[in-house]
Amino acid sequence: MGFPIRLAIDAVSKAKSILSSPVWLSYPRKVECNICKWEGRHFLSDSWHEHINCPRCRSGIRQRLFFAALQNIEKFSYEKIIHEKKILHFAPEEMVGSKIRDRASLYVTADFLRADCDLQLDMSHMPDIKDETFDVVIAFDVLEHVPNYHSALEEIHRILYSKGYAIFTVPQKDNLSNTFEDLNITSPDDRKVHFGQGDHLRIFGDDFAMAVERKGFTVVSVNESMFSEVLIRKHVLFPPLLSTIPLATNFRKVFFCQKLS
């Protein structure tokens, strides 16, 4: 390979590296992560949506919606949801845990498989956790992995104090009225086709909030409409471009579910 050709290839490679780097994304500053405070031109894309993931902390819309609620909705403020509360966090994301663990009186992480958590728990069967142990249970995009999510909701209800909160997010197909699951769909490839991911056991519909209410909760669905247009654009609380992928969750919600008694 001749020297000029090598120089040209090196120049193209360097340009691609610069264009894909967080430094290039940083200016001019149009968006800001409300978790890690990264600012830049736009967020990174993933296989579902364009420009929705923070380059620094990797937060997505669901995590930023949660913090937008803590920061801007009085009913769900840090003081009322996090401060001096006993919190159980399933499938914990570090960008979330890093912002709430020091404010809680007790912060416990749990997962069915991960060894880096405090507890290895089956969310649908937690006999070692006593009734009314926690003020808050957090589980973002977890219930679609649980074989019996109805039992999980019942167990979470049991371990929460009266008036405690379960805070959920779930993938929801646009305009799907009823949650779809089929126990005969077992292969990862088939699950990806029907549920969006090889380890998902269902795709939730608009009936999710009602399913939680039937387990003894009141439910408030927090979405981008509860915030100003300035905050929506600044923190990317809604996809800049809607995905055309059939199973994409374009309309993210954070479900604040309060135990009735």
Protein backbone atom coordinates (compact mmCIF):
# COMPACT_ATOMS: atom_id res chain seq x y z
CA MET A 1 0.00 0.00 0.00
CA GLY A 2 1.41 3.36 -1.04
CA PHE A 3 2.19 6.09 1.46
CA PRO A 4 -0.48 8.56 0.15
CA ILE A 5 -3.18 5.86 0.35
CA ARG A 6 -2.19 5.02 3.94
CA LEU A 7 -2.39 8.70 4.83
CA ALA A 8 -5.87 8.97 3.31
CA ILE A 9 -7.09 5.87 5.15
CA ASP A 10 -5.62 7.13 8.43
CA ALA A 11 -7.30 10.51 7.92
CA VAL A 12 -10.71 8.91 7.30
CA SER A 13 -10.29 6.66 10.33
CA LYS A 14 -9.33 9.60 12.53
CA ALA A 15 -12.30 11.64 11.28
CA LYS A 16 -14.71 8.80 12.07
CA SER A 17 -13.22 8.48 15.55
CA ILE A 18 -13.63 12.19 16.23
CA LEU A 19 -17.20 12.32 14.90
CA SER A 20 -18.27 9.39 17.10
CA SER A 21 -16.55 10.58 20.27
CA PRO A 22 -18.27 12.23 23.25
CA VAL A 23 -16.02 15.27 22.71
CA TRP A 24 -17.52 15.90 19.27
CA LEU A 25 -21.00 15.43 20.68
CA SER A 26 -20.38 18.06 23.34
CA TYR A 27 -20.79 21.24 21.26
CA PRO A 28 -22.96 23.17 20.77
CA ARG A 29 -24.79 22.20 23.95
CA LYS A 30 -28.44 21.49 23.21
CA VAL A 31 -29.31 18.65 25.60
CA GLU A 32 -28.44 17.84 29.20
CA CYS A 33 -28.73 14.62 31.17
CA ASN A 34 -30.65 15.38 34.36
CA ILE A 35 -28.81 12.56 36.13
CA CYS A 36 -25.08 13.00 35.41
CA LYS A 37 -25.34 16.57 34.00
CA TRP A 38 -23.58 15.76 30.71
CA GLU A 39 -24.31 18.43 28.11
CA GLY A 40 -23.92 18.22 24.36
CA ARG A 41 -25.35 18.37 20.86
CA HIS A 42 -27.40 15.21 21.20
CA PHE A 43 -27.50 11.85 22.94
CA LEU A 44 -26.41 8.57 21.41
CA SER A 45 -28.69 6.25 19.45
CA ASP A 46 -29.49 2.61 20.07
CA SER A 47 -31.11 -0.10 17.98
CA TRP A 48 -34.60 1.18 18.84
CA HIS A 49 -34.37 5.00 18.80
CA GLU A 50 -32.14 7.82 17.66
CA HIS A 51 -30.41 10.12 20.15
CA ILE A 52 -31.90 8.92 23.46
CA ASN A 53 -28.97 7.55 25.51
CA CYS A 54 -26.61 9.72 27.54
CA PRO A 55 -22.99 9.24 26.39
CA ARG A 56 -21.66 9.51 29.94
CA CYS A 57 -23.99 7.60 32.27
CA ARG A 58 -25.92 5.68 29.58
CA SER A 59 -29.27 6.73 30.97
CA GLY A 60 -32.29 6.25 28.75
CA ILE A 61 -35.63 7.98 28.70
CA ARG A 62 -37.09 5.84 31.49
CA GLN A 63 -34.36 6.78 33.97
CA ARG A 64 -34.48 10.47 33.06
CA LEU A 65 -38.27 10.50 33.38
CA PHE A 66 -37.92 9.07 36.87
CA PHE A 67 -35.48 11.79 37.90
CA ALA A 68 -37.57 14.45 36.21
CA ALA A 69 -40.40 13.38 38.53
CA LEU A 70 -38.14 13.50 41.60
CA GLN A 71 -36.91 16.94 40.58
CA ASN A 72 -40.12 18.57 39.38
CA ILE A 73 -43.26 16.88 40.73
CA GLU A 74 -43.93 17.71 44.38
CA LYS A 75 -45.89 14.52 45.07
CA PHE A 76 -42.92 12.43 43.90
CA SER A 77 -40.07 14.60 45.17
CA TYR A 78 -36.81 13.31 46.63
CA GLU A 79 -38.13 14.27 50.06
CA LYS A 80 -41.27 12.16 49.72
CA ILE A 81 -39.95 9.19 47.74
CA ILE A 82 -36.24 8.80 48.57
CA HIS A 83 -35.15 10.74 51.68
CA GLU A 84 -34.64 8.44 54.69
CA LYS A 85 -36.61 5.65 52.98
CA LYS A 86 -35.83 1.93 52.92
CA ILE A 87 -35.40 1.09 49.24
CA LEU A 88 -35.15 -2.23 47.41
CA HIS A 89 -33.85 -1.79 43.86
CA PHE A 90 -34.20 -4.68 41.40
CA ALA A 91 -31.81 -4.96 38.44
CA PRO A 92 -30.12 -1.80 39.69
CA GLU A 93 -28.70 0.74 37.26
CA GLU A 94 -25.64 2.49 38.66
CA MET A 95 -26.71 5.87 37.32
CA VAL A 96 -29.89 5.56 39.42
CA GLY A 97 -28.32 4.02 42.50
CA SER A 98 -25.53 6.58 42.66
CA LYS A 99 -28.10 9.37 43.05
CA ILE A 100 -30.38 7.80 45.64
CA ARG A 101 -28.36 5.46 47.88
CA ASP A 102 -26.89 8.22 50.05
CA ARG A 103 -30.28 9.83 50.55
CA ALA A 104 -31.99 6.61 51.65
CA SER A 105 -31.87 5.20 55.16
CA LEU A 106 -31.37 1.75 53.60
CA TYR A 107 -30.55 0.93 49.99
CA VAL A 108 -30.57 -2.74 48.97
CA THR A 109 -29.97 -4.09 45.46
CA ALA A 110 -31.39 -7.35 44.15
CA ASP A 111 -31.46 -9.45 41.01
CA PHE A 112 -32.35 -13.02 40.10
CA LEU A 113 -29.06 -13.74 38.31
CA ARG A 114 -26.52 -10.99 38.93
CA ALA A 115 -23.83 -11.69 41.51
CA ASP A 116 -22.97 -8.02 42.03
CA CYS A 117 -26.17 -7.28 43.98
CA ASP A 118 -26.80 -7.46 47.71
CA LEU A 119 -29.47 -10.14 47.27
CA GLN A 120 -30.23 -12.77 44.66
CA LEU A 121 -34.01 -12.81 44.62
CA ASP A 122 -36.87 -14.24 42.65
CA MET A 123 -39.17 -11.24 42.63
CA SER A 124 -42.23 -13.49 42.50
CA HIS A 125 -41.24 -15.49 45.59
CA MET A 126 -39.41 -13.71 48.43
CA PRO A 127 -40.10 -15.75 51.60
CA ASP A 128 -36.95 -14.47 53.33
CA ILE A 129 -38.21 -10.87 53.24
CA LYS A 130 -40.74 -10.11 55.95
CA ASP A 131 -44.01 -8.29 55.44
CA GLU A 132 -43.72 -4.51 55.38
CA THR A 133 -39.94 -4.29 55.18
CA PHE A 134 -39.44 -1.54 52.57
CA ASP A 135 -40.83 1.90 51.82
CA VAL A 136 -39.97 1.77 48.12
CA VAL A 137 -39.35 -0.94 45.52
CA ILE A 138 -37.84 0.13 42.18
CA ALA A 139 -37.87 -2.12 39.11
CA PHE A 140 -37.22 -0.59 35.70
CA ASP A 141 -37.91 -2.93 32.79
CA VAL A 142 -37.84 -6.03 34.96
CA LEU A 143 -41.36 -7.46 34.99
CA GLU A 144 -41.19 -8.55 31.34
CA HIS A 145 -38.49 -11.03 32.41
CA VAL A 146 -40.45 -12.56 35.31
CA PRO A 147 -42.38 -15.79 34.51
CA ASN A 148 -45.30 -14.86 36.77
CA TYR A 149 -45.46 -11.09 37.03
CA HIS A 150 -48.80 -11.23 38.87
CA SER A 151 -47.12 -13.10 41.72
CA ALA A 152 -44.30 -10.54 41.63
CA LEU A 153 -46.79 -7.71 42.07
CA GLU A 154 -48.37 -9.53 45.01
CA GLU A 155 -44.99 -10.11 46.65
CA ILE A 156 -43.97 -6.51 46.20
CA HIS A 157 -47.26 -5.41 47.73
CA ARG A 158 -46.59 -7.69 50.70
CA ILE A 159 -43.09 -6.42 51.47
CA LEU A 160 -44.02 -2.74 51.20
CA TYR A 161 -45.10 -0.67 54.16
CA SER A 162 -48.62 0.75 54.04
CA LYS A 163 -48.59 3.72 51.64
CA GLY A 164 -45.22 2.62 50.29
CA TYR A 165 -44.36 2.91 46.60
CA ALA A 166 -43.50 0.44 43.87
CA ILE A 167 -41.96 2.28 40.93
CA PHE A 168 -42.03 0.43 37.62
CA THR A 169 -41.26 0.84 33.98
CA VAL A 170 -42.16 -1.78 31.39
CA PRO A 171 -41.83 -2.01 27.60
CA GLN A 172 -45.21 -1.25 26.02
CA LYS A 173 -46.03 -1.65 22.37
CA ASP A 174 -47.72 1.43 20.92
CA ASN A 175 -51.51 1.14 20.77
CA LEU A 176 -51.58 -2.36 22.27
CA SER A 177 -54.64 -2.55 24.50
CA ASN A 178 -53.91 -5.84 26.27
CA THR A 179 -50.64 -7.35 27.40
CA PHE A 180 -49.59 -10.19 25.11
CA GLU A 181 -47.90 -13.32 26.41
CA ASP A 182 -47.89 -16.91 25.20
CA LEU A 183 -46.24 -19.70 27.21
CA ASN A 184 -45.77 -21.69 24.01
CA ILE A 185 -43.32 -19.09 22.71
CA THR A 186 -40.06 -20.28 24.26
CA SER A 187 -37.14 -19.83 21.87
CA PRO A 188 -35.12 -16.61 22.05
CA ASP A 189 -35.64 -15.98 18.33
CA ASP A 190 -39.41 -16.36 18.59
CA ARG A 191 -39.53 -14.22 21.72
CA LYS A 192 -37.62 -11.49 19.94
CA VAL A 193 -40.17 -11.56 17.13
CA HIS A 194 -43.20 -11.46 19.44
CA PHE A 195 -41.92 -9.63 22.52
CA GLY A 196 -39.02 -7.55 21.23
CA GLN A 197 -36.13 -9.31 22.97
CA GLY A 198 -34.97 -12.89 23.34
CA ASP A 199 -35.32 -12.96 27.12
CA HIS A 200 -38.68 -11.17 27.30
CA LEU A 201 -41.71 -13.24 28.24
CA ARG A 202 -44.37 -10.72 27.21
CA ILE A 203 -44.99 -7.32 25.70
CA PHE A 204 -47.10 -5.11 27.91
CA GLY A 205 -50.12 -3.19 26.74
CA ASP A 206 -52.11 -0.24 28.00
CA ASP A 207 -53.73 -2.50 30.63
CA PHE A 208 -50.56 -2.62 32.76
CA ALA A 209 -51.69 0.11 35.17
CA MET A 210 -55.00 -1.69 35.71
CA ALA A 211 -53.20 -4.95 36.42
CA VAL A 212 -51.19 -3.21 39.14
CA GLU A 213 -54.27 -1.52 40.59
CA ARG A 214 -55.95 -4.91 40.93
CA LYS A 215 -53.13 -5.94 43.28
CA GLY A 216 -53.95 -3.18 45.78
CA PHE A 217 -52.18 -0.09 44.46
CA THR A 218 -53.17 3.31 43.21
CA VAL A 219 -51.20 4.14 40.06
CA VAL A 220 -49.98 7.41 38.60
CA SER A 221 -48.38 7.13 35.16
CA VAL A 222 -45.71 9.79 34.74
CA ASN A 223 -44.91 10.66 31.14
CA GLU A 224 -43.44 13.56 29.21
CA SER A 225 -46.76 15.44 29.16
CA MET A 226 -46.26 16.32 32.84
CA PHE A 227 -43.24 18.49 32.04
CA SER A 228 -42.66 21.68 30.08
CA GLU A 229 -41.56 21.60 26.45
CA VAL A 230 -38.26 23.11 27.56
CA LEU A 231 -37.55 20.23 29.95
CA ILE A 232 -38.73 17.62 27.46
CA ARG A 233 -36.29 18.85 24.82
CA LYS A 234 -33.44 19.63 27.21
CA HIS A 235 -33.45 16.26 29.00
CA VAL A 236 -34.88 14.20 26.09
CA LEU A 237 -37.90 12.88 27.98
CA PHE A 238 -39.48 11.76 24.73
CA PRO A 239 -37.85 10.31 21.59
CA PRO A 240 -36.73 13.05 19.17
CA LEU A 241 -37.88 10.70 16.41
CA LEU A 242 -40.51 8.02 16.91
CA SER A 243 -39.29 4.54 16.09
CA THR A 244 -41.01 2.68 13.28
CA ILE A 245 -39.98 -0.70 14.70
CA PRO A 246 -43.29 -2.48 15.48
CA LEU A 247 -42.45 -3.42 19.10
CA ALA A 248 -40.70 -0.20 20.08
CA THR A 249 -41.80 1.65 23.20
CA ASN A 250 -42.20 5.18 21.91
CA PHE A 251 -44.37 6.47 24.75
CA ARG A 252 -42.41 5.80 27.92
CA LYS A 253 -44.10 5.94 31.32
CA VAL A 254 -42.87 5.64 34.89
CA PHE A 255 -45.55 4.06 37.08
CA PHE A 256 -45.63 5.34 40.65
CA CYS A 257 -47.74 2.71 42.41
CA GLN A 258 -48.73 3.41 46.01
CA LYS A 259 -49.83 0.58 48.27
CA LEU A 260 -53.32 1.25 49.57
CA SER A 261 -52.96 -0.49 52.92
